[in-house]
Amino acid sequence: MRIIVWIIRLAVFLVLFGFAVKNDQLITLNFYMGEQWQLPLVFVILVAFAAGALVGVTATLSSLVRQRREIGRLRKSLRKAEAEIKSATTTVVPRPDGDAPEAF
C-alpha cells in the first residue's frame, strides 16, 4: 500500500513540476498608483492558491473552536448529571441488628 501512495505522490509531483516548467513566463501585476511587479506565472498561481487555503482554514477554525467549546460544556453537564444520578440512587438500608443504617 505504501508503494502505491508513493507512486501517486510522484505522479502528482511530476504533473505539477511540468505545469511549473510550462508556465515560467513573466507576467506583470499592476497595482494602484502605477506600481508594477514582474513575476513568473507559476509563482502568482502558487500565491493565489496559498491565500485561498489560508482563508479556508481561517473560516473553518472559527467553527472548530465553537464546536470544542460546546463539547466542553456538554461534558461538564454530563458529569454533573451523572453525579446527580449517582447521589439520587444511593439508598439507605437498615442493618439487621438495629444499628446505624449503611449507605450503598
N, C-alpha and C. Protein backbone atom coordinates (compact mmCIF):
# COMPACT_ATOMS: atom_id res chain seq x y z
N MET A 1 0.82 -1.20 0.00
CA MET A 1 0.00 0.00 0.00
C MET A 1 0.87 1.27 0.00
N ARG A 2 1.97 1.22 0.74
CA ARG A 2 2.85 2.38 0.79
C ARG A 2 3.45 2.69 -0.58
N ILE A 3 3.75 1.65 -1.33
CA ILE A 3 4.31 1.84 -2.68
C ILE A 3 3.31 2.58 -3.56
N ILE A 4 2.04 2.22 -3.47
CA ILE A 4 1.01 2.87 -4.29
C ILE A 4 0.91 4.35 -3.93
N VAL A 5 0.93 4.65 -2.63
CA VAL A 5 0.85 6.04 -2.18
C VAL A 5 2.04 6.84 -2.70
N TRP A 6 3.24 6.26 -2.65
CA TRP A 6 4.43 6.97 -3.15
C TRP A 6 4.39 7.14 -4.67
N ILE A 7 3.84 6.17 -5.38
CA ILE A 7 3.70 6.30 -6.83
C ILE A 7 2.74 7.44 -7.16
N ILE A 8 1.63 7.52 -6.42
CA ILE A 8 0.67 8.61 -6.64
C ILE A 8 1.30 9.96 -6.32
N ARG A 9 2.05 10.04 -5.23
CA ARG A 9 2.73 11.29 -4.88
C ARG A 9 3.72 11.71 -5.96
N LEU A 10 4.48 10.74 -6.46
CA LEU A 10 5.45 11.03 -7.51
C LEU A 10 4.74 11.53 -8.78
N ALA A 11 3.63 10.90 -9.13
CA ALA A 11 2.87 11.32 -10.32
C ALA A 11 2.34 12.74 -10.15
N VAL A 12 1.80 13.07 -8.98
CA VAL A 12 1.29 14.42 -8.73
C VAL A 12 2.43 15.43 -8.80
N PHE A 13 3.57 15.08 -8.20
CA PHE A 13 4.73 15.98 -8.25
C PHE A 13 5.17 16.23 -9.69
N LEU A 14 5.24 15.17 -10.48
CA LEU A 14 5.69 15.34 -11.87
C LEU A 14 4.71 16.18 -12.68
N VAL A 15 3.42 16.00 -12.45
CA VAL A 15 2.42 16.82 -13.16
C VAL A 15 2.57 18.28 -12.77
N LEU A 16 2.69 18.55 -11.47
CA LEU A 16 2.84 19.93 -11.00
C LEU A 16 4.16 20.54 -11.46
N PHE A 17 5.22 19.74 -11.46
CA PHE A 17 6.51 20.24 -11.93
C PHE A 17 6.44 20.59 -13.41
N GLY A 18 5.80 19.75 -14.21
CA GLY A 18 5.62 20.03 -15.63
C GLY A 18 4.80 21.30 -15.84
N PHE A 19 3.76 21.48 -14.99
CA PHE A 19 2.94 22.70 -15.07
C PHE A 19 3.80 23.93 -14.79
N ALA A 20 4.68 23.83 -13.78
CA ALA A 20 5.53 24.96 -13.43
C ALA A 20 6.53 25.27 -14.55
N VAL A 21 7.07 24.24 -15.16
CA VAL A 21 8.04 24.44 -16.23
C VAL A 21 7.37 25.08 -17.45
N LYS A 22 6.15 24.66 -17.75
CA LYS A 22 5.44 25.21 -18.92
C LYS A 22 4.98 26.65 -18.69
N ASN A 23 4.82 27.08 -17.45
CA ASN A 23 4.31 28.42 -17.14
C ASN A 23 5.37 29.28 -16.46
N ASP A 24 6.55 29.30 -17.04
CA ASP A 24 7.63 30.07 -16.43
C ASP A 24 7.75 31.49 -16.98
N GLN A 25 6.89 31.87 -17.92
CA GLN A 25 6.98 33.21 -18.48
C GLN A 25 6.61 34.27 -17.44
N LEU A 26 7.17 35.44 -17.61
CA LEU A 26 6.92 36.54 -16.69
C LEU A 26 5.59 37.21 -17.01
N ILE A 27 4.89 37.58 -15.96
CA ILE A 27 3.67 38.37 -16.13
C ILE A 27 3.84 39.65 -15.33
N THR A 28 3.06 40.65 -15.68
CA THR A 28 3.14 41.93 -15.00
C THR A 28 1.89 42.11 -14.15
N LEU A 29 2.10 42.31 -12.86
CA LEU A 29 0.99 42.64 -11.96
C LEU A 29 0.96 44.15 -11.78
N ASN A 30 -0.18 44.74 -12.10
CA ASN A 30 -0.35 46.18 -11.99
C ASN A 30 -1.08 46.50 -10.69
N PHE A 31 -0.46 47.31 -9.85
CA PHE A 31 -1.06 47.73 -8.59
C PHE A 31 -1.51 49.19 -8.71
N TYR A 32 -2.08 49.69 -7.63
CA TYR A 32 -2.51 51.09 -7.60
C TYR A 32 -1.31 52.02 -7.64
N MET A 33 -1.52 53.23 -8.09
CA MET A 33 -0.53 54.29 -8.17
C MET A 33 0.64 53.92 -9.08
N GLY A 34 0.37 53.14 -10.11
CA GLY A 34 1.39 52.85 -11.11
C GLY A 34 2.42 51.81 -10.72
N GLU A 35 2.27 51.19 -9.59
CA GLU A 35 3.24 50.17 -9.15
C GLU A 35 3.06 48.90 -9.99
N GLN A 36 4.17 48.32 -10.44
CA GLN A 36 4.14 47.10 -11.24
C GLN A 36 5.18 46.11 -10.73
N TRP A 37 4.81 44.84 -10.76
CA TRP A 37 5.75 43.77 -10.44
C TRP A 37 5.75 42.79 -11.59
N GLN A 38 6.91 42.27 -11.89
CA GLN A 38 7.01 41.20 -12.88
C GLN A 38 7.42 39.93 -12.16
N LEU A 39 6.55 38.92 -12.26
CA LEU A 39 6.77 37.65 -11.56
C LEU A 39 6.46 36.50 -12.51
N PRO A 40 7.03 35.32 -12.25
CA PRO A 40 6.66 34.14 -13.04
C PRO A 40 5.20 33.76 -12.76
N LEU A 41 4.51 33.30 -13.78
CA LEU A 41 3.10 32.94 -13.66
C LEU A 41 2.88 31.87 -12.61
N VAL A 42 3.75 30.88 -12.56
CA VAL A 42 3.58 29.79 -11.60
C VAL A 42 3.66 30.32 -10.16
N PHE A 43 4.49 31.32 -9.92
CA PHE A 43 4.58 31.90 -8.58
C PHE A 43 3.28 32.61 -8.20
N VAL A 44 2.70 33.32 -9.14
CA VAL A 44 1.43 34.01 -8.88
C VAL A 44 0.33 33.00 -8.58
N ILE A 45 0.30 31.91 -9.33
CA ILE A 45 -0.70 30.86 -9.09
C ILE A 45 -0.50 30.23 -7.72
N LEU A 46 0.75 29.98 -7.35
CA LEU A 46 1.06 29.40 -6.04
C LEU A 46 0.62 30.32 -4.91
N VAL A 47 0.89 31.61 -5.03
CA VAL A 47 0.50 32.58 -4.01
C VAL A 47 -1.02 32.66 -3.90
N ALA A 48 -1.72 32.64 -5.03
CA ALA A 48 -3.19 32.68 -5.01
C ALA A 48 -3.75 31.43 -4.34
N PHE A 49 -3.17 30.28 -4.64
CA PHE A 49 -3.61 29.03 -4.01
C PHE A 49 -3.38 29.07 -2.50
N ALA A 50 -2.21 29.52 -2.08
CA ALA A 50 -1.89 29.60 -0.65
C ALA A 50 -2.82 30.58 0.07
N ALA A 51 -3.13 31.70 -0.56
CA ALA A 51 -4.05 32.66 0.05
C ALA A 51 -5.45 32.06 0.20
N GLY A 52 -5.91 31.34 -0.80
CA GLY A 52 -7.21 30.69 -0.72
C GLY A 52 -7.24 29.63 0.36
N ALA A 53 -6.17 28.85 0.48
CA ALA A 53 -6.10 27.84 1.53
C ALA A 53 -6.11 28.49 2.91
N LEU A 54 -5.41 29.60 3.05
CA LEU A 54 -5.38 30.31 4.33
C LEU A 54 -6.76 30.84 4.71
N VAL A 55 -7.47 31.40 3.74
CA VAL A 55 -8.83 31.88 4.01
C VAL A 55 -9.74 30.72 4.40
N GLY A 56 -9.61 29.59 3.73
CA GLY A 56 -10.42 28.42 4.06
C GLY A 56 -10.14 27.89 5.45
N VAL A 57 -8.87 27.82 5.82
CA VAL A 57 -8.51 27.34 7.16
C VAL A 57 -9.03 28.31 8.23
N THR A 58 -8.92 29.59 7.97
CA THR A 58 -9.41 30.59 8.92
C THR A 58 -10.92 30.47 9.11
N ALA A 59 -11.65 30.26 8.02
CA ALA A 59 -13.10 30.12 8.12
C ALA A 59 -13.48 28.86 8.88
N THR A 60 -12.74 27.80 8.69
CA THR A 60 -13.02 26.54 9.38
C THR A 60 -12.63 26.62 10.85
N LEU A 61 -11.59 27.36 11.15
CA LEU A 61 -11.09 27.44 12.51
C LEU A 61 -12.13 27.99 13.48
N SER A 62 -12.88 29.00 13.07
CA SER A 62 -13.88 29.58 13.97
C SER A 62 -14.95 28.57 14.35
N SER A 63 -15.43 27.79 13.39
CA SER A 63 -16.45 26.79 13.72
C SER A 63 -15.85 25.67 14.56
N LEU A 64 -14.59 25.33 14.34
CA LEU A 64 -13.95 24.29 15.13
C LEU A 64 -13.83 24.73 16.59
N VAL A 65 -13.43 25.96 16.83
CA VAL A 65 -13.31 26.47 18.20
C VAL A 65 -14.68 26.49 18.88
N ARG A 66 -15.70 26.91 18.15
CA ARG A 66 -17.05 26.95 18.70
C ARG A 66 -17.53 25.53 19.06
N GLN A 67 -17.25 24.55 18.22
CA GLN A 67 -17.64 23.17 18.49
C GLN A 67 -16.91 22.62 19.71
N ARG A 68 -15.63 22.93 19.85
CA ARG A 68 -14.87 22.43 21.01
C ARG A 68 -15.40 23.03 22.31
N ARG A 69 -15.77 24.31 22.28
CA ARG A 69 -16.37 24.91 23.48
C ARG A 69 -17.67 24.22 23.84
N GLU A 70 -18.50 23.95 22.84
CA GLU A 70 -19.78 23.29 23.09
C GLU A 70 -19.56 21.88 23.63
N ILE A 71 -18.58 21.16 23.11
CA ILE A 71 -18.27 19.82 23.61
C ILE A 71 -17.84 19.90 25.07
N GLY A 72 -17.03 20.90 25.42
CA GLY A 72 -16.61 21.07 26.82
C GLY A 72 -17.80 21.33 27.73
N ARG A 73 -18.72 22.20 27.29
CA ARG A 73 -19.92 22.47 28.09
C ARG A 73 -20.77 21.21 28.26
N LEU A 74 -20.92 20.45 27.19
CA LEU A 74 -21.73 19.24 27.25
C LEU A 74 -21.09 18.19 28.16
N ARG A 75 -19.78 18.05 28.12
CA ARG A 75 -19.10 17.10 29.02
C ARG A 75 -19.28 17.51 30.47
N LYS A 76 -19.20 18.82 30.74
CA LYS A 76 -19.37 19.30 32.10
C LYS A 76 -20.79 19.01 32.59
N SER A 77 -21.80 19.26 31.76
CA SER A 77 -23.17 18.99 32.18
C SER A 77 -23.41 17.49 32.31
N LEU A 78 -22.74 16.66 31.49
CA LEU A 78 -22.87 15.21 31.61
C LEU A 78 -22.30 14.74 32.94
N ARG A 79 -21.12 15.24 33.32
CA ARG A 79 -20.54 14.87 34.61
C ARG A 79 -21.45 15.28 35.76
N LYS A 80 -22.04 16.47 35.66
CA LYS A 80 -22.94 16.95 36.70
C LYS A 80 -24.18 16.07 36.78
N ALA A 81 -24.74 15.70 35.63
CA ALA A 81 -25.93 14.84 35.63
C ALA A 81 -25.60 13.46 36.17
N GLU A 82 -24.43 12.92 35.83
CA GLU A 82 -24.03 11.61 36.35
C GLU A 82 -23.87 11.66 37.86
N ALA A 83 -23.30 12.75 38.37
CA ALA A 83 -23.14 12.89 39.82
C ALA A 83 -24.50 12.98 40.51
N GLU A 84 -25.45 13.69 39.90
CA GLU A 84 -26.78 13.80 40.48
C GLU A 84 -27.49 12.45 40.48
N ILE A 85 -27.33 11.69 39.41
CA ILE A 85 -27.95 10.37 39.34
C ILE A 85 -27.33 9.44 40.37
N LYS A 86 -26.02 9.52 40.53
CA LYS A 86 -25.34 8.67 41.50
C LYS A 86 -25.78 9.01 42.92
N SER A 87 -25.92 10.29 43.22
CA SER A 87 -26.35 10.67 44.57
C SER A 87 -27.83 10.34 44.79
N ALA A 88 -28.64 10.37 43.74
CA ALA A 88 -30.07 10.05 43.88
C ALA A 88 -30.29 8.55 44.03
N THR A 89 -29.42 7.74 43.48
CA THR A 89 -29.59 6.29 43.56
C THR A 89 -28.96 5.69 44.80
N THR A 90 -28.28 6.47 45.60
CA THR A 90 -27.71 5.96 46.84
C THR A 90 -28.87 5.72 47.81
N THR A 91 -28.99 4.47 48.24
CA THR A 91 -30.09 4.12 49.15
C THR A 91 -29.56 3.83 50.54
N VAL A 92 -30.41 4.02 51.51
CA VAL A 92 -30.06 3.74 52.90
C VAL A 92 -30.79 2.47 53.30
N VAL A 93 -30.01 1.45 53.68
CA VAL A 93 -30.58 0.16 54.08
C VAL A 93 -30.27 -0.06 55.56
N PRO A 94 -31.32 -0.32 56.38
CA PRO A 94 -31.04 -0.55 57.81
C PRO A 94 -30.33 -1.88 58.01
N ARG A 95 -29.46 -1.90 59.00
CA ARG A 95 -28.73 -3.13 59.33
C ARG A 95 -29.64 -4.06 60.11
N PRO A 96 -29.47 -5.35 59.96
CA PRO A 96 -30.36 -6.30 60.64
C PRO A 96 -30.26 -6.27 62.16
N ASP A 97 -29.15 -5.82 62.70
CA ASP A 97 -29.00 -5.82 64.16
C ASP A 97 -29.54 -4.54 64.80
N GLY A 98 -30.09 -3.64 63.97
CA GLY A 98 -30.71 -2.44 64.52
C GLY A 98 -29.77 -1.27 64.72
N ASP A 99 -28.50 -1.42 64.33
CA ASP A 99 -27.55 -0.32 64.48
C ASP A 99 -27.82 0.75 63.41
N ALA A 100 -26.87 1.63 63.27
CA ALA A 100 -26.98 2.73 62.30
C ALA A 100 -27.11 2.19 60.88
N PRO A 101 -27.88 2.87 60.03
CA PRO A 101 -28.03 2.39 58.65
C PRO A 101 -26.75 2.59 57.83
N GLU A 102 -26.60 1.75 56.80
CA GLU A 102 -25.46 1.85 55.89
C GLU A 102 -25.91 2.44 54.57
N ALA A 103 -25.06 3.16 53.92
CA ALA A 103 -25.39 3.72 52.59
C ALA A 103 -24.71 2.86 51.54
N PHE A 104 -25.46 2.47 50.52
CA PHE A 104 -24.92 1.68 49.41
C PHE A 104 -24.86 2.47 48.16
